[in-house]
Amino acid sequence: MRHVTEGDIAPAFTLQDQYGQDTTLPRGAPALLVFYPLAFSGICSGELADLKENHAGFKELGVTVLAISVDSTFALRTWSDREDFPFALLSDFWPHGATAQAYGVFDPERGVARRGTFLIDSEGTVAWSTLTPIGQARDVTEYLARVRSLNG
């Protein structure tokens, strides 16, 4: 399955965050979508901790960070409360993985999202995307560099 890439219109979605609030892909401001396999797993925990440490940089640049997995809102709330994440954790639980499928990052054999990252510009177009192998952590500093280049 082909994943969404630069120049594509980002598929719109509305998912519940860790508090059960509907969250829609923002328009009019850039967003960083970070799909990850599962809450509480080793690599994912490290990646989201890095996002937390660098969140002020994204916020300063006007970018909304949205982390998306197939976990339930209940699991995401527990994880977020424990780790004090400053960004929304979105549940792509039901229909199972529908948003990950729309972005082309759903792994049907494992039933989880692959490590897909998408920078969406203020017009709703994908400005940058990357897929990271399942056993490899992503480089959050690269995300910040991409956001800075988007802002010129």
C-alpha atoms as a PDB file:
ATOM      1  CA  MET A   1       0.000   0.000   0.000  1.00  0.00           C
ATOM      2  CA  ARG A   2       1.300   3.448  -0.939  1.00  0.00           C
ATOM      3  CA  HIS A   3       1.651   5.929   1.904  1.00  0.00           C
ATOM      4  CA  VAL A   4       0.740   9.592   1.639  1.00  0.00           C
ATOM      5  CA  THR A   5       3.727  11.627   0.423  1.00  0.00           C
ATOM      6  CA  GLU A   6       4.817  15.190  -0.337  1.00  0.00           C
ATOM      7  CA  GLY A   7       2.314  17.116  -2.410  1.00  0.00           C
ATOM      8  CA  ASP A   8      -0.663  14.910  -1.461  1.00  0.00           C
ATOM      9  CA  ILE A   9      -3.668  16.423   0.272  1.00  0.00           C
ATOM     10  CA  ALA A  10      -3.629  15.104   3.837  1.00  0.00           C
ATOM     11  CA  PRO A  11      -6.639  12.880   4.514  1.00  0.00           C
ATOM     12  CA  ALA A  12      -8.993  14.627   6.934  1.00  0.00           C
ATOM     13  CA  PHE A  13      -9.919  12.853  10.155  1.00  0.00           C
ATOM     14  CA  THR A  14     -11.620  13.296  13.492  1.00  0.00           C
ATOM     15  CA  LEU A  15     -10.356  11.061  16.305  1.00  0.00           C
ATOM     16  CA  GLN A  16     -10.818  11.100  20.056  1.00  0.00           C
ATOM     17  CA  ASP A  17      -7.886  12.215  22.157  1.00  0.00           C
ATOM     18  CA  GLN A  18      -6.819  10.707  25.479  1.00  0.00           C
ATOM     19  CA  TYR A  19      -9.597  12.679  27.225  1.00  0.00           C
ATOM     20  CA  GLY A  20     -12.359  11.539  24.863  1.00  0.00           C
ATOM     21  CA  GLN A  21     -12.499  14.891  23.033  1.00  0.00           C
ATOM     22  CA  ASP A  22     -12.925  14.919  19.258  1.00  0.00           C
ATOM     23  CA  THR A  23      -9.808  16.223  17.523  1.00  0.00           C
ATOM     24  CA  THR A  24      -9.782  17.091  13.833  1.00  0.00           C
ATOM     25  CA  LEU A  25      -6.785  17.541  11.558  1.00  0.00           C
ATOM     26  CA  PRO A  26      -6.160  21.291  11.858  1.00  0.00           C
ATOM     27  CA  ARG A  27      -6.446  23.566   8.835  1.00  0.00           C
ATOM     28  CA  GLY A  28      -4.871  26.998   8.654  1.00  0.00           C
ATOM     29  CA  ALA A  29      -1.840  25.969  10.716  1.00  0.00           C
ATOM     30  CA  PRO A  30       0.802  23.275  10.266  1.00  0.00           C
ATOM     31  CA  ALA A  31       0.562  19.914  12.029  1.00  0.00           C
ATOM     32  CA  LEU A  32       2.972  17.073  12.679  1.00  0.00           C
ATOM     33  CA  LEU A  33       1.289  13.655  12.640  1.00  0.00           C
ATOM     34  CA  VAL A  34       3.271  10.920  14.359  1.00  0.00           C
ATOM     35  CA  PHE A  35       1.823   7.432  13.892  1.00  0.00           C
ATOM     36  CA  TYR A  36       3.233   4.835  16.282  1.00  0.00           C
ATOM     37  CA  PRO A  37       2.460   1.147  16.939  1.00  0.00           C
ATOM     38  CA  LEU A  38       1.457   0.934  20.615  1.00  0.00           C
ATOM     39  CA  ALA A  39       1.400   2.893  23.859  1.00  0.00           C
ATOM     40  CA  PHE A  40       3.767   1.788  26.610  1.00  0.00           C
ATOM     41  CA  SER A  41       6.099  -0.059  24.204  1.00  0.00           C
ATOM     42  CA  GLY A  42       9.828   0.616  24.472  1.00  0.00           C
ATOM     43  CA  ILE A  43      10.672   2.466  21.271  1.00  0.00           C
ATOM     44  CA  CYS A  44       7.353   4.342  21.228  1.00  0.00           C
ATOM     45  CA  SER A  45       7.889   5.496  24.819  1.00  0.00           C
ATOM     46  CA  GLY A  46      11.303   6.865  23.896  1.00  0.00           C
ATOM     47  CA  GLU A  47      10.004   8.616  20.783  1.00  0.00           C
ATOM     48  CA  LEU A  48       7.139  10.306  22.590  1.00  0.00           C
ATOM     49  CA  ALA A  49       9.482  11.315  25.426  1.00  0.00           C
ATOM     50  CA  ASP A  50      11.669  13.017  22.771  1.00  0.00           C
ATOM     51  CA  LEU A  51       8.591  14.745  21.340  1.00  0.00           C
ATOM     52  CA  LYS A  52       7.714  15.920  24.855  1.00  0.00           C
ATOM     53  CA  GLU A  53      11.235  17.305  25.391  1.00  0.00           C
ATOM     54  CA  ASN A  54      11.089  19.164  22.064  1.00  0.00           C
ATOM     55  CA  HIS A  55       7.419  20.199  22.226  1.00  0.00           C
ATOM     56  CA  ALA A  56       8.207  23.828  23.088  1.00  0.00           C
ATOM     57  CA  GLY A  57      10.133  24.131  19.817  1.00  0.00           C
ATOM     58  CA  PHE A  58       7.162  22.880  17.802  1.00  0.00           C
ATOM     59  CA  LYS A  59       4.763  25.132  19.698  1.00  0.00           C
ATOM     60  CA  GLU A  60       7.048  28.137  19.146  1.00  0.00           C
ATOM     61  CA  LEU A  61       6.923  27.413  15.399  1.00  0.00           C
ATOM     62  CA  GLY A  62       3.102  27.164  15.474  1.00  0.00           C
ATOM     63  CA  VAL A  63       2.941  23.419  14.811  1.00  0.00           C
ATOM     64  CA  THR A  64       0.314  21.173  16.388  1.00  0.00           C
ATOM     65  CA  VAL A  65       1.769  17.779  17.324  1.00  0.00           C
ATOM     66  CA  LEU A  66      -0.660  14.844  17.120  1.00  0.00           C
ATOM     67  CA  ALA A  67       0.466  11.335  18.091  1.00  0.00           C
ATOM     68  CA  ILE A  68      -1.773   8.571  16.672  1.00  0.00           C
ATOM     69  CA  SER A  69      -2.064   4.870  17.537  1.00  0.00           C
ATOM     70  CA  VAL A  70      -4.677   2.116  17.496  1.00  0.00           C
ATOM     71  CA  ASP A  71      -4.810   2.098  21.310  1.00  0.00           C
ATOM     72  CA  SER A  72      -8.073   2.828  23.139  1.00  0.00           C
ATOM     73  CA  THR A  73      -8.651   6.254  24.671  1.00  0.00           C
ATOM     74  CA  PHE A  74      -8.459   4.581  28.088  1.00  0.00           C
ATOM     75  CA  ALA A  75      -4.936   3.254  27.491  1.00  0.00           C
ATOM     76  CA  LEU A  76      -3.873   6.609  26.023  1.00  0.00           C
ATOM     77  CA  ARG A  77      -5.256   8.507  29.037  1.00  0.00           C
ATOM     78  CA  THR A  78      -3.355   6.261  31.450  1.00  0.00           C
ATOM     79  CA  TRP A  79      -0.136   6.658  29.470  1.00  0.00           C
ATOM     80  CA  SER A  80      -0.541  10.410  29.048  1.00  0.00           C
ATOM     81  CA  ASP A  81      -1.299  10.924  32.744  1.00  0.00           C
ATOM     82  CA  ARG A  82       1.776   8.893  33.699  1.00  0.00           C
ATOM     83  CA  GLU A  83       4.126  10.642  31.232  1.00  0.00           C
ATOM     84  CA  ASP A  84       2.505  14.119  31.238  1.00  0.00           C
ATOM     85  CA  PHE A  85       2.559  14.457  27.455  1.00  0.00           C
ATOM     86  CA  PRO A  86       1.841  18.075  26.359  1.00  0.00           C
ATOM     87  CA  PHE A  87       0.233  17.020  23.053  1.00  0.00           C
ATOM     88  CA  ALA A  88      -2.808  15.012  22.029  1.00  0.00           C
ATOM     89  CA  LEU A  89      -2.632  11.233  21.830  1.00  0.00           C
ATOM     90  CA  LEU A  90      -5.293  10.227  19.307  1.00  0.00           C
ATOM     91  CA  SER A  91      -7.079   6.893  19.287  1.00  0.00           C
ATOM     92  CA  ASP A  92      -7.435   5.232  15.875  1.00  0.00           C
ATOM     93  CA  PHE A  93      -9.142   2.333  17.646  1.00  0.00           C
ATOM     94  CA  TRP A  94     -12.423   2.066  15.732  1.00  0.00           C
ATOM     95  CA  PRO A  95     -12.911   1.595  12.909  1.00  0.00           C
ATOM     96  CA  HIS A  96      -9.642  -0.126  13.691  1.00  0.00           C
ATOM     97  CA  GLY A  97      -6.742   1.744  12.107  1.00  0.00           C
ATOM     98  CA  ALA A  98      -8.917   3.637   9.608  1.00  0.00           C
ATOM     99  CA  THR A  99      -6.826   6.808   9.789  1.00  0.00           C
ATOM    100  CA  ALA A 100      -3.557   4.858   9.582  1.00  0.00           C
ATOM    101  CA  GLN A 101      -5.020   3.101   6.535  1.00  0.00           C
ATOM    102  CA  ALA A 102      -5.933   6.448   4.935  1.00  0.00           C
ATOM    103  CA  TYR A 103      -2.300   7.545   5.362  1.00  0.00           C
ATOM    104  CA  GLY A 104      -1.007   4.192   4.096  1.00  0.00           C
ATOM    105  CA  VAL A 105       0.787   3.252   7.321  1.00  0.00           C
ATOM    106  CA  PHE A 106      -1.447   0.496   8.736  1.00  0.00           C
ATOM    107  CA  ASP A 107       0.209  -2.903   9.170  1.00  0.00           C
ATOM    108  CA  PRO A 108      -2.652  -5.405   8.681  1.00  0.00           C
ATOM    109  CA  GLU A 109      -0.584  -8.377   9.853  1.00  0.00           C
ATOM    110  CA  ARG A 110       0.147  -6.798  13.230  1.00  0.00           C
ATOM    111  CA  GLY A 111      -3.002  -4.675  13.485  1.00  0.00           C
ATOM    112  CA  VAL A 112      -1.043  -1.519  14.339  1.00  0.00           C
ATOM    113  CA  ALA A 113       0.217   1.640  12.683  1.00  0.00           C
ATOM    114  CA  ARG A 114       3.733   1.664  11.290  1.00  0.00           C
ATOM    115  CA  ARG A 115       6.101   4.490  12.247  1.00  0.00           C
ATOM    116  CA  GLY A 116       4.856   7.081   9.771  1.00  0.00           C
ATOM    117  CA  THR A 117       5.493  10.789  10.235  1.00  0.00           C
ATOM    118  CA  PHE A 118       3.744  13.506   8.234  1.00  0.00           C
ATOM    119  CA  LEU A 119       4.288  17.258   8.272  1.00  0.00           C
ATOM    120  CA  ILE A 120       1.122  18.935   7.021  1.00  0.00           C
ATOM    121  CA  ASP A 121       1.297  22.580   5.938  1.00  0.00           C
ATOM    122  CA  SER A 122      -1.326  25.206   6.767  1.00  0.00           C
ATOM    123  CA  GLU A 123      -3.115  24.488   3.462  1.00  0.00           C
ATOM    124  CA  GLY A 124      -3.591  20.796   4.319  1.00  0.00           C
ATOM    125  CA  THR A 125      -0.913  19.514   1.942  1.00  0.00           C
ATOM    126  CA  VAL A 126       1.751  17.027   2.987  1.00  0.00           C
ATOM    127  CA  ALA A 127       5.022  18.971   3.027  1.00  0.00           C
ATOM    128  CA  TRP A 128       7.175  16.041   4.169  1.00  0.00           C
ATOM    129  CA  SER A 129       6.707  12.421   5.165  1.00  0.00           C
ATOM    130  CA  THR A 130       8.832   9.493   6.210  1.00  0.00           C
ATOM    131  CA  LEU A 131       8.425   5.866   7.234  1.00  0.00           C
ATOM    132  CA  THR A 132      10.793   4.518   9.872  1.00  0.00           C
ATOM    133  CA  PRO A 133      11.359   0.763  10.243  1.00  0.00           C
ATOM    134  CA  ILE A 134       9.400  -0.848  13.092  1.00  0.00           C
ATOM    135  CA  GLY A 135      12.438  -1.546  15.299  1.00  0.00           C
ATOM    136  CA  GLN A 136      14.101   1.831  14.810  1.00  0.00           C
ATOM    137  CA  ALA A 137      13.460   5.075  16.718  1.00  0.00           C
ATOM    138  CA  ARG A 138      12.790   8.291  14.828  1.00  0.00           C
ATOM    139  CA  ASP A 139      14.905  11.434  15.026  1.00  0.00           C
ATOM    140  CA  VAL A 140      12.801  14.244  16.499  1.00  0.00           C
ATOM    141  CA  THR A 141      15.493  16.833  15.725  1.00  0.00           C
ATOM    142  CA  GLU A 142      14.906  16.061  12.037  1.00  0.00           C
ATOM    143  CA  TYR A 143      11.213  16.942  12.529  1.00  0.00           C
ATOM    144  CA  LEU A 144      12.174  20.334  13.930  1.00  0.00           C
ATOM    145  CA  ALA A 145      14.522  20.965  11.003  1.00  0.00           C
ATOM    146  CA  ARG A 146      11.723  20.099   8.553  1.00  0.00           C
ATOM    147  CA  VAL A 147       9.309  22.414  10.354  1.00  0.00           C
ATOM    148  CA  ARG A 148      11.842  25.243  10.272  1.00  0.00           C
ATOM    149  CA  SER A 149      12.309  24.742   6.521  1.00  0.00           C
ATOM    150  CA  LEU A 150       8.518  24.806   6.077  1.00  0.00           C
ATOM    151  CA  ASN A 151       8.376  28.159   7.860  1.00  0.00           C
ATOM    152  CA  GLY A 152      11.194  29.470   5.657  1.00  0.00           C
END
